[in-house]
Amino acid sequence: MQLRRGDVAVVSVSAGLAAIVVAAVAFSLLILDHSHPPANEAGTSTSSLLVVTWGPSLCKVDPSNSGCRTGHVGKLGERLILHGLWPQPPSQQFCGVPKTDKARDLRNADMSSLDLPEDLQSKLQPVLSDAALMAPHEWYTHGTCSGVTPAVYFRDAITLTNQVSKILDPVFAEHPHLSLNTVRHRFDAEFGEGAGKRVSLTCRDVDGEQVVIYEVHLSLPPIADFGSAENTENTENTLSLGDLLVKGPTISPGCRRGRVP
């Protein structure tokens, strides 16, 4: 069958439209599909901060926090919980995250987008104020700049948080008023002289009446240099807070003294 001139034109236009559709689909799959965590950017971080929060202080300072409102933080008792593991300098955020996601503040992100093993999701529950909200936020804001996968990032954060908690929970629980010197001396005693200089405190003013010790910051080397292996289930047995702490840069003291709720 011979095509007339009009038919040829229609076929050409259809073929052109088909090519455009194929290109658009390919673009969406490559660029716009955020069902998996974005690629990491390794090697740009010079150090990292492990940030842990005293649970009772969180609910004193921010009673509207979702973990405080549900009672989850209260059920965890008097312990330090994970706020985040942050690549430094502070500009190391949202690596590979599209600007549109930043603008939305990742409100649509959830735990499933991180593709974490079930055992790891369970282990996050007792170390975060609200794992469903905090884990996606911490990954996309900070973890994407870590140079490791979400599984390694959170296993390391959990392991280190539990080690800090073991050392400092008794100190916080036994001192209604606590000084930075006491905290730093505890780390020097545990890991050797100079370890304490990698630890600082942050405080919050509550109703203008009292200064509450809120968080502990611990200075560590870049997360990609921790040496954790992918999908390692026994990270707790291999990752040492003491070994990492002495490799981090010294940091400013922050808050010198405050009340412990």
C-alpha atoms as a PDB file:
ATOM      1  CA  MET A   1       0.000   0.000   0.000  1.00  0.00           C
ATOM      2  CA  GLN A   2       1.340   3.369  -1.002  1.00  0.00           C
ATOM      3  CA  LEU A   3       1.202   6.171   1.572  1.00  0.00           C
ATOM      4  CA  ARG A   4      -0.019   9.542   0.445  1.00  0.00           C
ATOM      5  CA  ARG A   5       1.781  12.739   1.446  1.00  0.00           C
ATOM      6  CA  GLY A   6      -0.607  13.450   4.350  1.00  0.00           C
ATOM      7  CA  ASP A   7      -0.185   9.939   5.686  1.00  0.00           C
ATOM      8  CA  VAL A   8       3.593  10.283   5.660  1.00  0.00           C
ATOM      9  CA  ALA A   9       3.326  13.517   7.604  1.00  0.00           C
ATOM     10  CA  VAL A  10       1.105  11.882  10.231  1.00  0.00           C
ATOM     11  CA  VAL A  11       3.487   8.944  10.597  1.00  0.00           C
ATOM     12  CA  SER A  12       6.466  11.299  10.975  1.00  0.00           C
ATOM     13  CA  VAL A  13       4.707  13.341  13.658  1.00  0.00           C
ATOM     14  CA  SER A  14       3.644  10.181  15.512  1.00  0.00           C
ATOM     15  CA  ALA A  15       7.183   8.844  15.447  1.00  0.00           C
ATOM     16  CA  GLY A  16       8.480  12.141  16.762  1.00  0.00           C
ATOM     17  CA  LEU A  17       5.952  12.173  19.594  1.00  0.00           C
ATOM     18  CA  ALA A  18       6.815   8.588  20.472  1.00  0.00           C
ATOM     19  CA  ALA A  19      10.494   9.488  20.704  1.00  0.00           C
ATOM     20  CA  ILE A  20       9.670  12.391  23.008  1.00  0.00           C
ATOM     21  CA  VAL A  21       7.543  10.153  25.246  1.00  0.00           C
ATOM     22  CA  VAL A  22      10.315   7.539  25.470  1.00  0.00           C
ATOM     23  CA  ALA A  23      12.861  10.232  26.364  1.00  0.00           C
ATOM     24  CA  ALA A  24      10.540  11.686  29.007  1.00  0.00           C
ATOM     25  CA  VAL A  25       9.981   8.278  30.602  1.00  0.00           C
ATOM     26  CA  ALA A  26      13.708   7.594  30.651  1.00  0.00           C
ATOM     27  CA  PHE A  27      14.338  10.985  32.237  1.00  0.00           C
ATOM     28  CA  SER A  28      11.755  10.347  34.921  1.00  0.00           C
ATOM     29  CA  LEU A  29      13.242   6.955  35.752  1.00  0.00           C
ATOM     30  CA  LEU A  30      16.754   8.285  35.949  1.00  0.00           C
ATOM     31  CA  ILE A  31      16.177  11.666  37.548  1.00  0.00           C
ATOM     32  CA  LEU A  32      12.793  11.861  39.194  1.00  0.00           C
ATOM     33  CA  ASP A  33      12.407   8.423  40.753  1.00  0.00           C
ATOM     34  CA  HIS A  34      13.168   8.905  44.453  1.00  0.00           C
ATOM     35  CA  SER A  35      11.935   5.513  45.636  1.00  0.00           C
ATOM     36  CA  HIS A  36      15.540   4.726  46.557  1.00  0.00           C
ATOM     37  CA  PRO A  37      17.964   6.890  48.569  1.00  0.00           C
ATOM     38  CA  PRO A  38      20.067   9.231  46.421  1.00  0.00           C
ATOM     39  CA  ALA A  39      23.702   8.454  45.755  1.00  0.00           C
ATOM     40  CA  ASN A  40      26.204   9.433  48.400  1.00  0.00           C
ATOM     41  CA  GLU A  41      29.056  11.875  47.988  1.00  0.00           C
ATOM     42  CA  ALA A  42      32.132  10.422  49.614  1.00  0.00           C
ATOM     43  CA  GLY A  43      35.349  12.233  50.341  1.00  0.00           C
ATOM     44  CA  THR A  44      34.016  15.773  50.813  1.00  0.00           C
ATOM     45  CA  SER A  45      33.503  15.540  54.570  1.00  0.00           C
ATOM     46  CA  THR A  46      36.446  16.379  56.820  1.00  0.00           C
ATOM     47  CA  SER A  47      34.962  15.011  60.059  1.00  0.00           C
ATOM     48  CA  SER A  48      31.616  14.175  61.641  1.00  0.00           C
ATOM     49  CA  LEU A  49      29.571  14.844  64.765  1.00  0.00           C
ATOM     50  CA  LEU A  50      27.593  12.283  66.700  1.00  0.00           C
ATOM     51  CA  VAL A  51      24.786  14.227  68.381  1.00  0.00           C
ATOM     52  CA  VAL A  52      22.850  12.613  71.231  1.00  0.00           C
ATOM     53  CA  THR A  53      20.038  14.135  73.276  1.00  0.00           C
ATOM     54  CA  TRP A  54      19.143  13.517  76.926  1.00  0.00           C
ATOM     55  CA  GLY A  55      15.593  12.189  76.673  1.00  0.00           C
ATOM     56  CA  PRO A  56      14.118  14.021  79.705  1.00  0.00           C
ATOM     57  CA  SER A  57      15.673  17.272  78.452  1.00  0.00           C
ATOM     58  CA  LEU A  58      14.037  16.839  75.040  1.00  0.00           C
ATOM     59  CA  CYS A  59      10.586  16.641  76.583  1.00  0.00           C
ATOM     60  CA  LYS A  60      11.338  19.520  78.957  1.00  0.00           C
ATOM     61  CA  VAL A  61      12.515  21.792  76.155  1.00  0.00           C
ATOM     62  CA  ASP A  62      10.103  20.613  73.440  1.00  0.00           C
ATOM     63  CA  PRO A  63       7.027  18.920  74.950  1.00  0.00           C
ATOM     64  CA  SER A  64       5.293  19.102  71.549  1.00  0.00           C
ATOM     65  CA  ASN A  65       7.907  16.740  70.055  1.00  0.00           C
ATOM     66  CA  SER A  66       6.064  13.770  68.570  1.00  0.00           C
ATOM     67  CA  GLY A  67       8.082  11.273  70.600  1.00  0.00           C
ATOM     68  CA  CYS A  68       7.243  13.146  73.790  1.00  0.00           C
ATOM     69  CA  ARG A  69       3.546  13.536  72.934  1.00  0.00           C
ATOM     70  CA  THR A  70       3.149   9.796  72.312  1.00  0.00           C
ATOM     71  CA  GLY A  71       5.032   8.911  75.488  1.00  0.00           C
ATOM     72  CA  HIS A  72       7.697   6.993  73.568  1.00  0.00           C
ATOM     73  CA  VAL A  73      10.617   9.060  74.890  1.00  0.00           C
ATOM     74  CA  GLY A  74       9.294   8.787  78.439  1.00  0.00           C
ATOM     75  CA  LYS A  75       9.146   4.996  78.132  1.00  0.00           C
ATOM     76  CA  LEU A  76      12.811   4.936  77.137  1.00  0.00           C
ATOM     77  CA  GLY A  77      13.646   6.288  80.605  1.00  0.00           C
ATOM     78  CA  GLU A  78      16.680   8.308  81.594  1.00  0.00           C
ATOM     79  CA  ARG A  79      18.985   7.777  78.652  1.00  0.00           C
ATOM     80  CA  LEU A  80      20.703   9.541  75.795  1.00  0.00           C
ATOM     81  CA  ILE A  81      19.035   9.046  72.423  1.00  0.00           C
ATOM     82  CA  LEU A  82      20.259   9.628  68.894  1.00  0.00           C
ATOM     83  CA  HIS A  83      19.653  12.974  67.268  1.00  0.00           C
ATOM     84  CA  GLY A  84      21.963  12.438  64.329  1.00  0.00           C
ATOM     85  CA  LEU A  85      25.329  11.601  62.814  1.00  0.00           C
ATOM     86  CA  TRP A  86      26.333  14.700  60.883  1.00  0.00           C
ATOM     87  CA  PRO A  87      29.133  15.013  58.293  1.00  0.00           C
ATOM     88  CA  GLN A  88      31.141  18.183  58.805  1.00  0.00           C
ATOM     89  CA  PRO A  89      31.444  21.028  57.986  1.00  0.00           C
ATOM     90  CA  PRO A  90      27.741  21.906  58.484  1.00  0.00           C
ATOM     91  CA  SER A  91      27.408  22.725  54.782  1.00  0.00           C
ATOM     92  CA  GLN A  92      27.534  18.975  54.113  1.00  0.00           C
ATOM     93  CA  GLN A  93      23.784  18.464  53.748  1.00  0.00           C
ATOM     94  CA  PHE A  94      21.290  17.159  51.168  1.00  0.00           C
ATOM     95  CA  CYS A  95      23.927  15.601  48.901  1.00  0.00           C
ATOM     96  CA  GLY A  96      22.266  14.464  45.684  1.00  0.00           C
ATOM     97  CA  VAL A  97      18.811  15.459  46.963  1.00  0.00           C
ATOM     98  CA  PRO A  98      16.798  17.410  44.348  1.00  0.00           C
ATOM     99  CA  LYS A  99      15.954  20.998  45.218  1.00  0.00           C
ATOM    100  CA  THR A 100      12.255  20.183  44.977  1.00  0.00           C
ATOM    101  CA  ASP A 101      12.646  17.683  47.822  1.00  0.00           C
ATOM    102  CA  LYS A 102      14.539  20.218  49.922  1.00  0.00           C
ATOM    103  CA  ALA A 103      11.776  22.756  49.409  1.00  0.00           C
ATOM    104  CA  ARG A 104       9.195  20.268  50.651  1.00  0.00           C
ATOM    105  CA  ASP A 105      11.446  19.565  53.624  1.00  0.00           C
ATOM    106  CA  LEU A 106      11.057  15.893  52.699  1.00  0.00           C
ATOM    107  CA  ARG A 107       7.661  15.747  54.368  1.00  0.00           C
ATOM    108  CA  ASN A 108       6.658  12.886  52.081  1.00  0.00           C
ATOM    109  CA  ALA A 109       9.728  10.780  52.875  1.00  0.00           C
ATOM    110  CA  ASP A 110       9.168   7.730  55.046  1.00  0.00           C
ATOM    111  CA  MET A 111      11.104   4.797  56.448  1.00  0.00           C
ATOM    112  CA  SER A 112      10.355   2.611  53.430  1.00  0.00           C
ATOM    113  CA  SER A 113      12.321   4.972  51.179  1.00  0.00           C
ATOM    114  CA  LEU A 114      15.493   4.053  53.073  1.00  0.00           C
ATOM    115  CA  ASP A 115      15.274   0.342  52.209  1.00  0.00           C
ATOM    116  CA  LEU A 116      16.562  -0.700  55.659  1.00  0.00           C
ATOM    117  CA  PRO A 117      16.623  -4.319  56.886  1.00  0.00           C
ATOM    118  CA  GLU A 118      13.822  -5.110  59.338  1.00  0.00           C
ATOM    119  CA  ASP A 119      16.229  -5.809  62.197  1.00  0.00           C
ATOM    120  CA  LEU A 120      17.790  -2.399  61.739  1.00  0.00           C
ATOM    121  CA  GLN A 121      14.417  -0.678  61.738  1.00  0.00           C
ATOM    122  CA  SER A 122      13.652  -2.396  65.044  1.00  0.00           C
ATOM    123  CA  LYS A 123      16.964  -1.267  66.529  1.00  0.00           C
ATOM    124  CA  LEU A 124      16.226   2.326  65.589  1.00  0.00           C
ATOM    125  CA  GLN A 125      13.062   2.430  67.690  1.00  0.00           C
ATOM    126  CA  PRO A 126      14.764   2.597  71.150  1.00  0.00           C
ATOM    127  CA  VAL A 127      17.413   5.135  70.093  1.00  0.00           C
ATOM    128  CA  LEU A 128      15.278   7.737  68.270  1.00  0.00           C
ATOM    129  CA  SER A 129      12.523   9.957  69.604  1.00  0.00           C
ATOM    130  CA  ASP A 130      10.329   9.020  66.623  1.00  0.00           C
ATOM    131  CA  ALA A 131      12.013   6.690  64.146  1.00  0.00           C
ATOM    132  CA  ALA A 132       9.336   7.040  61.459  1.00  0.00           C
ATOM    133  CA  LEU A 133       9.950  10.792  61.255  1.00  0.00           C
ATOM    134  CA  MET A 134      13.557  11.132  62.358  1.00  0.00           C
ATOM    135  CA  ALA A 135      15.222   8.399  60.313  1.00  0.00           C
ATOM    136  CA  PRO A 136      14.195   9.746  56.867  1.00  0.00           C
ATOM    137  CA  HIS A 137      14.960  13.316  57.942  1.00  0.00           C
ATOM    138  CA  GLU A 138      18.422  12.438  59.244  1.00  0.00           C
ATOM    139  CA  TRP A 139      19.294  10.350  56.189  1.00  0.00           C
ATOM    140  CA  TYR A 140      18.275  12.838  53.522  1.00  0.00           C
ATOM    141  CA  THR A 141      19.601  15.871  55.387  1.00  0.00           C
ATOM    142  CA  HIS A 142      22.883  14.414  56.651  1.00  0.00           C
ATOM    143  CA  GLY A 143      23.342  10.762  55.714  1.00  0.00           C
ATOM    144  CA  THR A 144      23.335  11.427  51.982  1.00  0.00           C
ATOM    145  CA  CYS A 145      26.682  13.188  52.488  1.00  0.00           C
ATOM    146  CA  SER A 146      28.206  10.359  54.525  1.00  0.00           C
ATOM    147  CA  GLY A 147      29.658   8.278  51.711  1.00  0.00           C
ATOM    148  CA  VAL A 148      27.996   5.097  53.013  1.00  0.00           C
ATOM    149  CA  THR A 149      24.645   3.383  52.499  1.00  0.00           C
ATOM    150  CA  PRO A 150      21.638   3.999  54.758  1.00  0.00           C
ATOM    151  CA  ALA A 151      22.124   0.583  56.400  1.00  0.00           C
ATOM    152  CA  VAL A 152      25.756   1.271  57.308  1.00  0.00           C
ATOM    153  CA  TYR A 153      24.978   4.853  58.331  1.00  0.00           C
ATOM    154  CA  PHE A 154      22.280   3.874  60.812  1.00  0.00           C
ATOM    155  CA  ARG A 155      24.055   0.777  62.149  1.00  0.00           C
ATOM    156  CA  ASP A 156      27.067   2.930  62.962  1.00  0.00           C
ATOM    157  CA  ALA A 157      24.899   5.624  64.545  1.00  0.00           C
ATOM    158  CA  ILE A 158      23.072   3.074  66.709  1.00  0.00           C
ATOM    159  CA  THR A 159      26.271   1.361  67.810  1.00  0.00           C
ATOM    160  CA  LEU A 160      27.990   4.607  68.784  1.00  0.00           C
ATOM    161  CA  THR A 161      24.896   5.995  70.512  1.00  0.00           C
ATOM    162  CA  ASN A 162      24.635   2.885  72.668  1.00  0.00           C
ATOM    163  CA  GLN A 163      28.314   3.160  73.616  1.00  0.00           C
ATOM    164  CA  VAL A 164      27.902   6.823  74.602  1.00  0.00           C
ATOM    165  CA  SER A 165      24.751   5.960  76.522  1.00  0.00           C
ATOM    166  CA  LYS A 166      26.555   3.275  78.496  1.00  0.00           C
ATOM    167  CA  ILE A 167      29.242   5.765  79.538  1.00  0.00           C
ATOM    168  CA  LEU A 168      27.184   8.896  80.165  1.00  0.00           C
ATOM    169  CA  ASP A 169      23.689   7.756  81.217  1.00  0.00           C
ATOM    170  CA  PRO A 170      24.857   7.106  84.810  1.00  0.00           C
ATOM    171  CA  VAL A 171      26.655  10.482  84.871  1.00  0.00           C
ATOM    172  CA  PHE A 172      23.535  12.355  83.755  1.00  0.00           C
ATOM    173  CA  ALA A 173      21.283  10.391  86.103  1.00  0.00           C
ATOM    174  CA  GLU A 174      23.484  11.033  89.137  1.00  0.00           C
ATOM    175  CA  HIS A 175      24.065  14.772  88.641  1.00  0.00           C
ATOM    176  CA  PRO A 176      21.052  17.127  88.848  1.00  0.00           C
ATOM    177  CA  HIS A 177      23.566  19.835  87.930  1.00  0.00           C
ATOM    178  CA  LEU A 178      26.296  18.793  85.536  1.00  0.00           C
ATOM    179  CA  SER A 179      29.453  20.493  84.266  1.00  0.00           C
ATOM    180  CA  LEU A 180      31.322  20.039  81.016  1.00  0.00           C
ATOM    181  CA  ASN A 181      34.468  19.252  83.013  1.00  0.00           C
ATOM    182  CA  THR A 182      32.751  16.263  84.603  1.00  0.00           C
ATOM    183  CA  VAL A 183      31.727  14.935  81.200  1.00  0.00           C
ATOM    184  CA  ARG A 184      35.135  15.497  79.641  1.00  0.00           C
ATOM    185  CA  HIS A 185      36.939  13.918  82.578  1.00  0.00           C
ATOM    186  CA  ARG A 186      34.724  10.865  82.205  1.00  0.00           C
ATOM    187  CA  PHE A 187      35.821  10.418  78.603  1.00  0.00           C
ATOM    188  CA  ASP A 188      39.475  11.008  79.493  1.00  0.00           C
ATOM    189  CA  ALA A 189      39.190   8.304  82.132  1.00  0.00           C
ATOM    190  CA  GLU A 190      37.540   5.922  79.670  1.00  0.00           C
ATOM    191  CA  PHE A 191      39.654   6.514  76.560  1.00  0.00           C
ATOM    192  CA  GLY A 192      42.755   8.409  77.611  1.00  0.00           C
ATOM    193  CA  GLU A 193      43.890  12.006  77.946  1.00  0.00           C
ATOM    194  CA  GLY A 194      42.575  14.248  75.196  1.00  0.00           C
ATOM    195  CA  ALA A 195      39.412  12.271  74.413  1.00  0.00           C
ATOM    196  CA  GLY A 196      37.355  14.750  76.409  1.00  0.00           C
ATOM    197  CA  LYS A 197      38.421  17.613  74.140  1.00  0.00           C
ATOM    198  CA  ARG A 198      36.342  15.961  71.411  1.00  0.00           C
ATOM    199  CA  VAL A 199      33.163  16.292  73.501  1.00  0.00           C
ATOM    200  CA  SER A 200      30.942  19.343  73.993  1.00  0.00           C
ATOM    201  CA  LEU A 201      27.563  20.145  75.541  1.00  0.00           C
ATOM    202  CA  THR A 202      24.654  22.217  74.306  1.00  0.00           C
ATOM    203  CA  CYS A 203      22.115  23.784  76.638  1.00  0.00           C
ATOM    204  CA  ARG A 204      18.641  25.261  76.217  1.00  0.00           C
ATOM    205  CA  ASP A 205      16.926  27.981  78.195  1.00  0.00           C
ATOM    206  CA  VAL A 206      13.562  26.786  79.479  1.00  0.00           C
ATOM    207  CA  ASP A 207      11.031  29.576  80.110  1.00  0.00           C
ATOM    208  CA  GLY A 208      13.854  31.935  81.025  1.00  0.00           C
ATOM    209  CA  GLU A 209      14.128  30.211  84.406  1.00  0.00           C
ATOM    210  CA  GLN A 210      16.692  27.463  83.996  1.00  0.00           C
ATOM    211  CA  VAL A 211      19.453  26.335  81.665  1.00  0.00           C
ATOM    212  CA  VAL A 212      18.974  22.681  80.796  1.00  0.00           C
ATOM    213  CA  ILE A 213      21.697  20.453  79.369  1.00  0.00           C
ATOM    214  CA  TYR A 214      20.183  19.259  76.136  1.00  0.00           C
ATOM    215  CA  GLU A 215      22.701  17.474  73.928  1.00  0.00           C
ATOM    216  CA  VAL A 216      26.185  16.005  73.767  1.00  0.00           C
ATOM    217  CA  HIS A 217      28.277  16.447  70.606  1.00  0.00           C
ATOM    218  CA  LEU A 218      31.139  14.051  69.934  1.00  0.00           C
ATOM    219  CA  SER A 219      33.736  14.851  67.266  1.00  0.00           C
ATOM    220  CA  LEU A 220      34.676  11.905  65.031  1.00  0.00           C
ATOM    221  CA  PRO A 221      36.485  11.336  61.716  1.00  0.00           C
ATOM    222  CA  PRO A 222      34.498  11.223  58.436  1.00  0.00           C
ATOM    223  CA  ILE A 223      31.811   8.532  58.508  1.00  0.00           C
ATOM    224  CA  ALA A 224      33.216   6.879  55.391  1.00  0.00           C
ATOM    225  CA  ASP A 225      36.461   6.339  57.342  1.00  0.00           C
ATOM    226  CA  PHE A 226      34.790   4.373  60.159  1.00  0.00           C
ATOM    227  CA  GLY A 227      35.524   1.197  58.242  1.00  0.00           C
ATOM    228  CA  SER A 228      32.137  -0.500  58.651  1.00  0.00           C
ATOM    229  CA  ALA A 229      31.301  -3.147  56.073  1.00  0.00           C
ATOM    230  CA  GLU A 230      28.089  -3.247  54.061  1.00  0.00           C
ATOM    231  CA  ASN A 231      25.319  -5.334  55.654  1.00  0.00           C
ATOM    232  CA  THR A 232      27.457  -6.180  58.670  1.00  0.00           C
ATOM    233  CA  GLU A 233      25.196  -7.510  61.427  1.00  0.00           C
ATOM    234  CA  ASN A 234      27.829  -7.446  64.162  1.00  0.00           C
ATOM    235  CA  THR A 235      28.902  -3.810  63.872  1.00  0.00           C
ATOM    236  CA  GLU A 236      28.509  -3.532  67.646  1.00  0.00           C
ATOM    237  CA  ASN A 237      31.483  -5.885  68.032  1.00  0.00           C
ATOM    238  CA  THR A 238      33.805  -4.038  65.667  1.00  0.00           C
ATOM    239  CA  LEU A 239      33.092  -0.299  65.900  1.00  0.00           C
ATOM    240  CA  SER A 240      34.859   1.392  68.818  1.00  0.00           C
ATOM    241  CA  LEU A 241      33.851   4.838  70.039  1.00  0.00           C
ATOM    242  CA  GLY A 242      37.217   5.261  71.746  1.00  0.00           C
ATOM    243  CA  ASP A 243      39.184   4.512  68.578  1.00  0.00           C
ATOM    244  CA  LEU A 244      37.112   6.944  66.545  1.00  0.00           C
ATOM    245  CA  LEU A 245      36.962   9.704  69.136  1.00  0.00           C
ATOM    246  CA  VAL A 246      40.711  10.263  69.276  1.00  0.00           C
ATOM    247  CA  LYS A 247      40.775  10.627  65.480  1.00  0.00           C
ATOM    248  CA  GLY A 248      38.269  13.468  65.450  1.00  0.00           C
ATOM    249  CA  PRO A 249      39.291  17.142  65.688  1.00  0.00           C
ATOM    250  CA  THR A 250      38.983  18.924  69.017  1.00  0.00           C
ATOM    251  CA  ILE A 251      35.859  21.064  69.335  1.00  0.00           C
ATOM    252  CA  SER A 252      34.756  24.129  71.272  1.00  0.00           C
ATOM    253  CA  PRO A 253      33.286  23.385  74.715  1.00  0.00           C
ATOM    254  CA  GLY A 254      29.833  24.825  74.148  1.00  0.00           C
ATOM    255  CA  CYS A 255      27.777  24.958  77.323  1.00  0.00           C
ATOM    256  CA  ARG A 256      29.877  24.818  80.497  1.00  0.00           C
ATOM    257  CA  ARG A 257      27.209  23.878  83.055  1.00  0.00           C
ATOM    258  CA  GLY A 258      23.503  23.207  83.305  1.00  0.00           C
ATOM    259  CA  ARG A 259      20.648  21.435  85.015  1.00  0.00           C
ATOM    260  CA  VAL A 260      19.743  17.816  84.203  1.00  0.00           C
ATOM    261  CA  PRO A 261      15.975  17.076  84.334  1.00  0.00           C
END
